[in-house]
Amino acid sequence: MVTLLALAILSQSTSLSYADSLYRQGEYFRAAGEYHRWLFENQAASERPRALYSLGKAYLKGQRYAEAETYLKQVPIASEWSPLARLSLAKASMGLGHDSTARRILGDLVTPLGAPAVAHLGLLSARNGDWQSALAHFEAASSETLVSLAKRRLSTPAPSPGLAAALSVVPGGGQLYLGRPSDAVNALLFTAVTAGAAAYYFNRENAVLGTTAAALSLTFWGGGIYGAAVEARRLGQQTESAFLQQATQEVETLSAE
């Protein structure tokens, strides 16, 4: 009887350890399957809160945020795993775009968890474009790397689509503003050549060729204005995305469990 009981306990422990090993190897959905199996077979085990937390984390890593939210919410508040589970729950809420919910959860975790919760509050601010607030949170979290990152973001102005378009009224002006001198020269030359051709043909009363050249010149000129605005917006989004990606990685490192 004692032997059978020992084997049963060993079987349960091995199953949960196996799920953990799959998680560490990045096999998040296979790990989730093993956690599910363990939870089904161990309805009253004392390790259920930890298993629920691990299951939620596996879904979180697999970017299945709704499933992660479902299981993380089941971790009992009284459990020692509750603060970490609620931190992961905040991450799931962020993944679902529920920033207000994430902010409320993180606010409640500042006291029990400290820096990881504060850093995630900073990340939330950064996600909403408020890098000044993000900087304040990162300073409160005492993360020199995140503070440096936020300061670099604040000192890296995004190109203005409106200004790029306005400068493109002079052919090539917008491209020059965006740091593309070769495109600026090409735009200026093409517009000048086609405009000159239009004037040349109109002066010689060749309306067909004059109109064709004028249409080409105006189309290219208008396209340059629109293209400069679009490119400025794209570059701004690209810059913001790069900084956010770095911030996310650093916050995850800070809150590594």
C-alpha atoms as a PDB file:
ATOM      1  CA  MET A   1       0.000   0.000   0.000  1.00  0.00           C
ATOM      2  CA  VAL A   2       2.811   2.372   0.940  1.00  0.00           C
ATOM      3  CA  THR A   3       4.627   1.485  -2.283  1.00  0.00           C
ATOM      4  CA  LEU A   4       1.557   2.234  -4.392  1.00  0.00           C
ATOM      5  CA  LEU A   5       1.072   5.563  -2.645  1.00  0.00           C
ATOM      6  CA  ALA A   6       4.727   6.472  -3.232  1.00  0.00           C
ATOM      7  CA  LEU A   7       4.417   5.564  -6.912  1.00  0.00           C
ATOM      8  CA  ALA A   8       1.279   7.699  -7.231  1.00  0.00           C
ATOM      9  CA  ILE A   9       3.013  10.701  -5.662  1.00  0.00           C
ATOM     10  CA  LEU A  10       6.057  10.190  -7.888  1.00  0.00           C
ATOM     11  CA  SER A  11       3.821   9.945 -10.963  1.00  0.00           C
ATOM     12  CA  GLN A  12       2.111  13.249 -10.111  1.00  0.00           C
ATOM     13  CA  SER A  13       5.420  15.002  -9.458  1.00  0.00           C
ATOM     14  CA  THR A  14       6.987  13.686 -12.651  1.00  0.00           C
ATOM     15  CA  SER A  15       4.014  14.818 -14.725  1.00  0.00           C
ATOM     16  CA  LEU A  16       4.249  18.372 -13.402  1.00  0.00           C
ATOM     17  CA  SER A  17       8.047  18.381 -13.782  1.00  0.00           C
ATOM     18  CA  TYR A  18       7.662  17.167 -17.353  1.00  0.00           C
ATOM     19  CA  ALA A  19       5.286  20.045 -18.101  1.00  0.00           C
ATOM     20  CA  ASP A  20       7.819  22.440 -16.585  1.00  0.00           C
ATOM     21  CA  SER A  21      10.609  21.028 -18.760  1.00  0.00           C
ATOM     22  CA  LEU A  22       8.482  21.472 -21.887  1.00  0.00           C
ATOM     23  CA  TYR A  23       7.826  25.074 -20.883  1.00  0.00           C
ATOM     24  CA  ARG A  24      11.551  25.746 -20.413  1.00  0.00           C
ATOM     25  CA  GLN A  25      12.211  24.310 -23.885  1.00  0.00           C
ATOM     26  CA  GLY A  26       9.706  26.732 -25.421  1.00  0.00           C
ATOM     27  CA  GLU A  27       7.133  23.992 -26.113  1.00  0.00           C
ATOM     28  CA  TYR A  28       4.396  26.120 -24.616  1.00  0.00           C
ATOM     29  CA  PHE A  29       1.327  24.380 -26.019  1.00  0.00           C
ATOM     30  CA  ARG A  30       2.642  20.911 -25.234  1.00  0.00           C
ATOM     31  CA  ALA A  31       3.391  22.158 -21.726  1.00  0.00           C
ATOM     32  CA  ALA A  32      -0.151  23.521 -21.507  1.00  0.00           C
ATOM     33  CA  GLY A  33      -1.482  20.098 -22.410  1.00  0.00           C
ATOM     34  CA  GLU A  34       0.546  18.483 -19.634  1.00  0.00           C
ATOM     35  CA  TYR A  35      -0.582  21.091 -17.104  1.00  0.00           C
ATOM     36  CA  HIS A  36      -4.179  20.449 -18.119  1.00  0.00           C
ATOM     37  CA  ARG A  37      -3.677  16.718 -17.626  1.00  0.00           C
ATOM     38  CA  TRP A  38      -2.047  17.207 -14.242  1.00  0.00           C
ATOM     39  CA  LEU A  39      -4.847  19.496 -13.064  1.00  0.00           C
ATOM     40  CA  PHE A  40      -7.478  17.003 -14.208  1.00  0.00           C
ATOM     41  CA  GLU A  41      -5.786  14.159 -12.359  1.00  0.00           C
ATOM     42  CA  ASN A  42      -5.054  16.145  -9.180  1.00  0.00           C
ATOM     43  CA  GLN A  43      -8.244  17.913  -8.233  1.00  0.00           C
ATOM     44  CA  ALA A  44      -7.272  18.457  -4.597  1.00  0.00           C
ATOM     45  CA  ALA A  45      -3.469  18.692  -4.763  1.00  0.00           C
ATOM     46  CA  SER A  46      -1.754  21.463  -2.841  1.00  0.00           C
ATOM     47  CA  GLU A  47       0.244  22.379  -5.964  1.00  0.00           C
ATOM     48  CA  ARG A  48      -2.863  23.271  -7.993  1.00  0.00           C
ATOM     49  CA  PRO A  49      -2.343  27.059  -7.629  1.00  0.00           C
ATOM     50  CA  ARG A  50       1.181  26.717  -9.023  1.00  0.00           C
ATOM     51  CA  ALA A  51      -0.045  24.479 -11.831  1.00  0.00           C
ATOM     52  CA  LEU A  52      -2.804  26.960 -12.743  1.00  0.00           C
ATOM     53  CA  TYR A  53      -0.237  29.759 -12.746  1.00  0.00           C
ATOM     54  CA  SER A  54       2.119  27.737 -14.950  1.00  0.00           C
ATOM     55  CA  LEU A  55      -0.720  26.855 -17.318  1.00  0.00           C
ATOM     56  CA  GLY A  56      -1.646  30.519 -17.640  1.00  0.00           C
ATOM     57  CA  LYS A  57       1.998  31.432 -18.284  1.00  0.00           C
ATOM     58  CA  ALA A  58       2.249  28.771 -20.996  1.00  0.00           C
ATOM     59  CA  TYR A  59      -0.734  30.256 -22.816  1.00  0.00           C
ATOM     60  CA  LEU A  60       0.679  33.751 -22.251  1.00  0.00           C
ATOM     61  CA  LYS A  61       3.981  32.765 -23.866  1.00  0.00           C
ATOM     62  CA  GLY A  62       2.035  31.273 -26.760  1.00  0.00           C
ATOM     63  CA  GLN A  63       0.185  34.596 -27.145  1.00  0.00           C
ATOM     64  CA  ARG A  64      -3.178  32.993 -26.450  1.00  0.00           C
ATOM     65  CA  TYR A  65      -4.140  35.764 -24.099  1.00  0.00           C
ATOM     66  CA  ALA A  66      -7.796  34.889 -23.515  1.00  0.00           C
ATOM     67  CA  GLU A  67      -6.901  31.347 -22.389  1.00  0.00           C
ATOM     68  CA  ALA A  68      -4.097  32.734 -20.224  1.00  0.00           C
ATOM     69  CA  GLU A  69      -6.544  35.121 -18.581  1.00  0.00           C
ATOM     70  CA  THR A  70      -9.007  32.294 -17.882  1.00  0.00           C
ATOM     71  CA  TYR A  71      -6.545  30.170 -15.908  1.00  0.00           C
ATOM     72  CA  LEU A  72      -4.604  32.946 -14.217  1.00  0.00           C
ATOM     73  CA  LYS A  73      -7.845  34.234 -12.725  1.00  0.00           C
ATOM     74  CA  GLN A  74      -8.339  30.818 -11.094  1.00  0.00           C
ATOM     75  CA  VAL A  75      -5.201  31.115  -8.951  1.00  0.00           C
ATOM     76  CA  PRO A  76      -6.531  31.715  -5.407  1.00  0.00           C
ATOM     77  CA  ILE A  77      -5.852  35.173  -3.987  1.00  0.00           C
ATOM     78  CA  ALA A  78      -4.593  33.595  -0.766  1.00  0.00           C
ATOM     79  CA  SER A  79      -2.006  31.525  -2.644  1.00  0.00           C
ATOM     80  CA  GLU A  80       1.670  32.436  -2.566  1.00  0.00           C
ATOM     81  CA  TRP A  81       1.512  32.348  -6.359  1.00  0.00           C
ATOM     82  CA  SER A  82      -1.185  35.016  -6.539  1.00  0.00           C
ATOM     83  CA  PRO A  83       1.074  38.100  -7.011  1.00  0.00           C
ATOM     84  CA  LEU A  84       3.009  36.494  -9.881  1.00  0.00           C
ATOM     85  CA  ALA A  85      -0.221  35.158 -11.372  1.00  0.00           C
ATOM     86  CA  ARG A  86      -1.736  38.631 -11.283  1.00  0.00           C
ATOM     87  CA  LEU A  87       1.372  40.091 -12.919  1.00  0.00           C
ATOM     88  CA  SER A  88       0.946  37.583 -15.730  1.00  0.00           C
ATOM     89  CA  LEU A  89      -2.771  38.431 -15.793  1.00  0.00           C
ATOM     90  CA  ALA A  90      -1.860  42.070 -16.357  1.00  0.00           C
ATOM     91  CA  LYS A  91       0.360  40.996 -19.261  1.00  0.00           C
ATOM     92  CA  ALA A  92      -2.529  38.994 -20.726  1.00  0.00           C
ATOM     93  CA  SER A  93      -4.771  42.052 -20.427  1.00  0.00           C
ATOM     94  CA  MET A  94      -2.149  44.108 -22.250  1.00  0.00           C
ATOM     95  CA  GLY A  95      -2.029  41.460 -24.964  1.00  0.00           C
ATOM     96  CA  LEU A  96      -5.812  41.711 -25.330  1.00  0.00           C
ATOM     97  CA  GLY A  97      -5.599  45.510 -25.520  1.00  0.00           C
ATOM     98  CA  HIS A  98      -7.305  45.984 -22.141  1.00  0.00           C
ATOM     99  CA  ASP A  99      -4.816  48.565 -20.913  1.00  0.00           C
ATOM    100  CA  SER A 100      -7.089  50.051 -18.254  1.00  0.00           C
ATOM    101  CA  THR A 101      -7.575  46.614 -16.679  1.00  0.00           C
ATOM    102  CA  ALA A 102      -3.840  45.953 -16.797  1.00  0.00           C
ATOM    103  CA  ARG A 103      -3.132  49.325 -15.173  1.00  0.00           C
ATOM    104  CA  ARG A 104      -5.555  48.586 -12.328  1.00  0.00           C
ATOM    105  CA  ILE A 105      -4.014  45.159 -11.688  1.00  0.00           C
ATOM    106  CA  LEU A 106      -0.477  46.521 -11.784  1.00  0.00           C
ATOM    107  CA  GLY A 107      -1.382  49.344  -9.432  1.00  0.00           C
ATOM    108  CA  ASP A 108      -2.438  46.759  -6.848  1.00  0.00           C
ATOM    109  CA  LEU A 109       0.863  44.893  -7.302  1.00  0.00           C
ATOM    110  CA  VAL A 110       3.237  47.800  -6.674  1.00  0.00           C
ATOM    111  CA  THR A 111       3.446  47.017  -2.955  1.00  0.00           C
ATOM    112  CA  PRO A 112       3.852  43.203  -3.108  1.00  0.00           C
ATOM    113  CA  LEU A 113       6.068  43.053  -6.211  1.00  0.00           C
ATOM    114  CA  GLY A 114       7.738  46.451  -6.437  1.00  0.00           C
ATOM    115  CA  ALA A 115       9.969  47.086  -9.471  1.00  0.00           C
ATOM    116  CA  PRO A 116       8.416  44.541 -11.907  1.00  0.00           C
ATOM    117  CA  ALA A 117       4.931  46.029 -11.439  1.00  0.00           C
ATOM    118  CA  VAL A 118       6.219  49.612 -11.690  1.00  0.00           C
ATOM    119  CA  ALA A 119       8.219  48.785 -14.827  1.00  0.00           C
ATOM    120  CA  HIS A 120       5.118  47.307 -16.467  1.00  0.00           C
ATOM    121  CA  LEU A 121       3.211  50.483 -15.625  1.00  0.00           C
ATOM    122  CA  GLY A 122       5.973  52.349 -17.453  1.00  0.00           C
ATOM    123  CA  LEU A 123       5.627  50.009 -20.410  1.00  0.00           C
ATOM    124  CA  LEU A 124       1.891  50.700 -20.497  1.00  0.00           C
ATOM    125  CA  SER A 125       2.591  54.438 -20.642  1.00  0.00           C
ATOM    126  CA  ALA A 126       5.107  53.902 -23.443  1.00  0.00           C
ATOM    127  CA  ARG A 127       2.593  51.812 -25.389  1.00  0.00           C
ATOM    128  CA  ASN A 128       0.253  54.805 -25.289  1.00  0.00           C
ATOM    129  CA  GLY A 129       2.965  57.159 -26.494  1.00  0.00           C
ATOM    130  CA  ASP A 130       3.542  58.816 -23.108  1.00  0.00           C
ATOM    131  CA  TRP A 131       7.286  58.306 -22.764  1.00  0.00           C
ATOM    132  CA  GLN A 132       7.565  61.058 -20.150  1.00  0.00           C
ATOM    133  CA  SER A 133       5.355  59.061 -17.763  1.00  0.00           C
ATOM    134  CA  ALA A 134       7.200  55.914 -18.792  1.00  0.00           C
ATOM    135  CA  LEU A 135      10.473  57.569 -17.791  1.00  0.00           C
ATOM    136  CA  ALA A 136       9.072  58.416 -14.352  1.00  0.00           C
ATOM    137  CA  HIS A 137       7.975  54.799 -13.822  1.00  0.00           C
ATOM    138  CA  PHE A 138      11.310  53.423 -15.017  1.00  0.00           C
ATOM    139  CA  GLU A 139      13.134  55.731 -12.621  1.00  0.00           C
ATOM    140  CA  ALA A 140      10.874  54.501  -9.796  1.00  0.00           C
ATOM    141  CA  ALA A 141      11.719  50.936 -10.815  1.00  0.00           C
ATOM    142  CA  SER A 142      15.440  51.830 -10.527  1.00  0.00           C
ATOM    143  CA  SER A 143      16.238  50.413 -13.955  1.00  0.00           C
ATOM    144  CA  GLU A 144      19.119  52.327 -15.526  1.00  0.00           C
ATOM    145  CA  THR A 145      18.648  50.514 -18.834  1.00  0.00           C
ATOM    146  CA  LEU A 146      14.975  51.443 -19.098  1.00  0.00           C
ATOM    147  CA  VAL A 147      15.649  55.012 -17.954  1.00  0.00           C
ATOM    148  CA  SER A 148      18.324  55.380 -20.641  1.00  0.00           C
ATOM    149  CA  LEU A 149      15.987  53.912 -23.248  1.00  0.00           C
ATOM    150  CA  ALA A 150      13.151  56.305 -22.348  1.00  0.00           C
ATOM    151  CA  LYS A 151      15.506  59.293 -22.445  1.00  0.00           C
ATOM    152  CA  ARG A 152      16.765  58.257 -25.889  1.00  0.00           C
ATOM    153  CA  ARG A 153      13.183  57.945 -27.107  1.00  0.00           C
ATOM    154  CA  LEU A 154      12.320  61.400 -25.799  1.00  0.00           C
ATOM    155  CA  SER A 155      15.367  62.862 -27.568  1.00  0.00           C
ATOM    156  CA  THR A 156      14.535  61.110 -30.847  1.00  0.00           C
ATOM    157  CA  PRO A 157      11.802  63.175 -32.494  1.00  0.00           C
ATOM    158  CA  ALA A 158       9.567  61.409 -34.968  1.00  0.00           C
ATOM    159  CA  PRO A 159       9.437  62.954 -38.454  1.00  0.00           C
ATOM    160  CA  SER A 160       6.330  65.070 -39.018  1.00  0.00           C
ATOM    161  CA  PRO A 161       4.097  63.916 -41.922  1.00  0.00           C
ATOM    162  CA  GLY A 162       2.677  67.443 -42.206  1.00  0.00           C
ATOM    163  CA  LEU A 163       6.097  69.055 -42.409  1.00  0.00           C
ATOM    164  CA  ALA A 164       7.319  66.437 -44.886  1.00  0.00           C
ATOM    165  CA  ALA A 165       4.321  67.143 -47.117  1.00  0.00           C
ATOM    166  CA  ALA A 166       4.732  70.926 -46.826  1.00  0.00           C
ATOM    167  CA  LEU A 167       8.419  70.778 -47.723  1.00  0.00           C
ATOM    168  CA  SER A 168       7.592  68.607 -50.732  1.00  0.00           C
ATOM    169  CA  VAL A 169       5.819  71.578 -52.327  1.00  0.00           C
ATOM    170  CA  VAL A 170       9.374  72.256 -53.452  1.00  0.00           C
ATOM    171  CA  PRO A 171      10.155  68.994 -55.303  1.00  0.00           C
ATOM    172  CA  GLY A 172      12.518  66.860 -53.248  1.00  0.00           C
ATOM    173  CA  GLY A 173      12.168  68.952 -50.105  1.00  0.00           C
ATOM    174  CA  GLY A 174      10.278  66.286 -48.191  1.00  0.00           C
ATOM    175  CA  GLN A 175      12.703  63.554 -49.195  1.00  0.00           C
ATOM    176  CA  LEU A 176      15.633  65.707 -48.096  1.00  0.00           C
ATOM    177  CA  TYR A 177      13.923  66.282 -44.727  1.00  0.00           C
ATOM    178  CA  LEU A 178      13.536  62.515 -44.327  1.00  0.00           C
ATOM    179  CA  GLY A 179      17.241  61.954 -44.949  1.00  0.00           C
ATOM    180  CA  ARG A 180      16.978  60.687 -48.530  1.00  0.00           C
ATOM    181  CA  PRO A 181      19.152  63.075 -50.574  1.00  0.00           C
ATOM    182  CA  SER A 182      19.345  60.839 -53.650  1.00  0.00           C
ATOM    183  CA  ASP A 183      15.533  60.590 -53.817  1.00  0.00           C
ATOM    184  CA  ALA A 184      15.349  64.362 -53.343  1.00  0.00           C
ATOM    185  CA  VAL A 185      17.671  64.966 -56.313  1.00  0.00           C
ATOM    186  CA  ASN A 186      15.714  62.522 -58.486  1.00  0.00           C
ATOM    187  CA  ALA A 187      12.402  64.164 -57.562  1.00  0.00           C
ATOM    188  CA  LEU A 188      13.734  67.632 -58.338  1.00  0.00           C
ATOM    189  CA  LEU A 189      15.280  66.595 -61.645  1.00  0.00           C
ATOM    190  CA  PHE A 190      12.246  64.635 -62.878  1.00  0.00           C
ATOM    191  CA  THR A 191       9.804  67.404 -61.969  1.00  0.00           C
ATOM    192  CA  ALA A 192      12.026  70.066 -63.518  1.00  0.00           C
ATOM    193  CA  VAL A 193      12.577  68.084 -66.734  1.00  0.00           C
ATOM    194  CA  THR A 194       8.899  67.260 -67.258  1.00  0.00           C
ATOM    195  CA  ALA A 195       7.822  70.804 -66.386  1.00  0.00           C
ATOM    196  CA  GLY A 196      10.424  72.166 -68.783  1.00  0.00           C
ATOM    197  CA  ALA A 197       9.241  69.766 -71.485  1.00  0.00           C
ATOM    198  CA  ALA A 198       5.644  70.901 -70.966  1.00  0.00           C
ATOM    199  CA  ALA A 199       6.658  74.570 -71.349  1.00  0.00           C
ATOM    200  CA  TYR A 200       8.718  73.738 -74.408  1.00  0.00           C
ATOM    201  CA  TYR A 201       5.884  71.947 -76.207  1.00  0.00           C
ATOM    202  CA  PHE A 202       3.246  74.512 -75.245  1.00  0.00           C
ATOM    203  CA  ASN A 203       5.469  77.290 -76.623  1.00  0.00           C
ATOM    204  CA  ARG A 204       5.565  75.386 -79.892  1.00  0.00           C
ATOM    205  CA  GLU A 205       1.792  74.938 -79.821  1.00  0.00           C
ATOM    206  CA  ASN A 206       2.028  71.169 -79.438  1.00  0.00           C
ATOM    207  CA  ALA A 207      -0.866  70.785 -77.006  1.00  0.00           C
ATOM    208  CA  VAL A 208      -0.806  66.966 -76.945  1.00  0.00           C
ATOM    209  CA  LEU A 209       2.823  66.574 -75.900  1.00  0.00           C
ATOM    210  CA  GLY A 210       2.636  69.661 -73.696  1.00  0.00           C
ATOM    211  CA  THR A 211      -0.389  68.318 -71.842  1.00  0.00           C
ATOM    212  CA  THR A 212       1.215  64.899 -71.486  1.00  0.00           C
ATOM    213  CA  ALA A 213       4.420  66.345 -70.034  1.00  0.00           C
ATOM    214  CA  ALA A 214       2.477  68.668 -67.723  1.00  0.00           C
ATOM    215  CA  ALA A 215       0.334  65.780 -66.486  1.00  0.00           C
ATOM    216  CA  LEU A 216       3.446  63.732 -65.768  1.00  0.00           C
ATOM    217  CA  SER A 217       5.038  66.635 -63.910  1.00  0.00           C
ATOM    218  CA  LEU A 218       1.960  67.384 -61.807  1.00  0.00           C
ATOM    219  CA  THR A 219       1.326  63.712 -61.064  1.00  0.00           C
ATOM    220  CA  PHE A 220       4.889  63.164 -59.919  1.00  0.00           C
ATOM    221  CA  TRP A 221       4.835  66.389 -57.900  1.00  0.00           C
ATOM    222  CA  GLY A 222       1.584  65.469 -56.175  1.00  0.00           C
ATOM    223  CA  GLY A 223       2.801  61.919 -55.620  1.00  0.00           C
ATOM    224  CA  GLY A 224       5.956  63.291 -54.027  1.00  0.00           C
ATOM    225  CA  ILE A 225       3.927  65.299 -51.524  1.00  0.00           C
ATOM    226  CA  TYR A 226       1.739  62.316 -50.612  1.00  0.00           C
ATOM    227  CA  GLY A 227       4.671  59.890 -50.586  1.00  0.00           C
ATOM    228  CA  ALA A 228       6.703  62.100 -48.243  1.00  0.00           C
ATOM    229  CA  ALA A 229       3.830  62.255 -45.748  1.00  0.00           C
ATOM    230  CA  VAL A 230       3.318  58.480 -45.869  1.00  0.00           C
ATOM    231  CA  GLU A 231       7.044  57.808 -45.508  1.00  0.00           C
ATOM    232  CA  ALA A 232       7.300  60.169 -42.530  1.00  0.00           C
ATOM    233  CA  ARG A 233       4.442  58.339 -40.840  1.00  0.00           C
ATOM    234  CA  ARG A 234       6.028  54.957 -41.589  1.00  0.00           C
ATOM    235  CA  LEU A 235       9.401  56.037 -40.218  1.00  0.00           C
ATOM    236  CA  GLY A 236       7.747  57.374 -37.076  1.00  0.00           C
ATOM    237  CA  GLN A 237       5.884  54.124 -36.508  1.00  0.00           C
ATOM    238  CA  GLN A 238       9.045  52.137 -37.192  1.00  0.00           C
ATOM    239  CA  THR A 239      11.009  54.174 -34.646  1.00  0.00           C
ATOM    240  CA  GLU A 240       8.279  53.854 -32.016  1.00  0.00           C
ATOM    241  CA  SER A 241       7.977  50.109 -32.632  1.00  0.00           C
ATOM    242  CA  ALA A 242      11.735  49.602 -32.236  1.00  0.00           C
ATOM    243  CA  PHE A 243      11.814  51.469 -28.916  1.00  0.00           C
ATOM    244  CA  LEU A 244       8.738  49.622 -27.647  1.00  0.00           C
ATOM    245  CA  GLN A 245      10.265  46.280 -28.563  1.00  0.00           C
ATOM    246  CA  GLN A 246      13.430  47.115 -26.631  1.00  0.00           C
ATOM    247  CA  ALA A 247      11.405  48.357 -23.660  1.00  0.00           C
ATOM    248  CA  THR A 248       9.284  45.200 -23.641  1.00  0.00           C
ATOM    249  CA  GLN A 249      12.375  42.990 -23.665  1.00  0.00           C
ATOM    250  CA  GLU A 250      13.986  44.921 -20.818  1.00  0.00           C
ATOM    251  CA  VAL A 251      10.802  44.891 -18.716  1.00  0.00           C
ATOM    252  CA  GLU A 252      10.491  41.134 -19.232  1.00  0.00           C
ATOM    253  CA  THR A 253      14.100  40.708 -18.142  1.00  0.00           C
ATOM    254  CA  LEU A 254      13.470  42.804 -15.048  1.00  0.00           C
ATOM    255  CA  SER A 255      10.382  40.760 -14.131  1.00  0.00           C
ATOM    256  CA  ALA A 256      11.805  37.340 -15.023  1.00  0.00           C
ATOM    257  CA  GLU A 257      10.291  34.806 -12.667  1.00  0.00           C
END
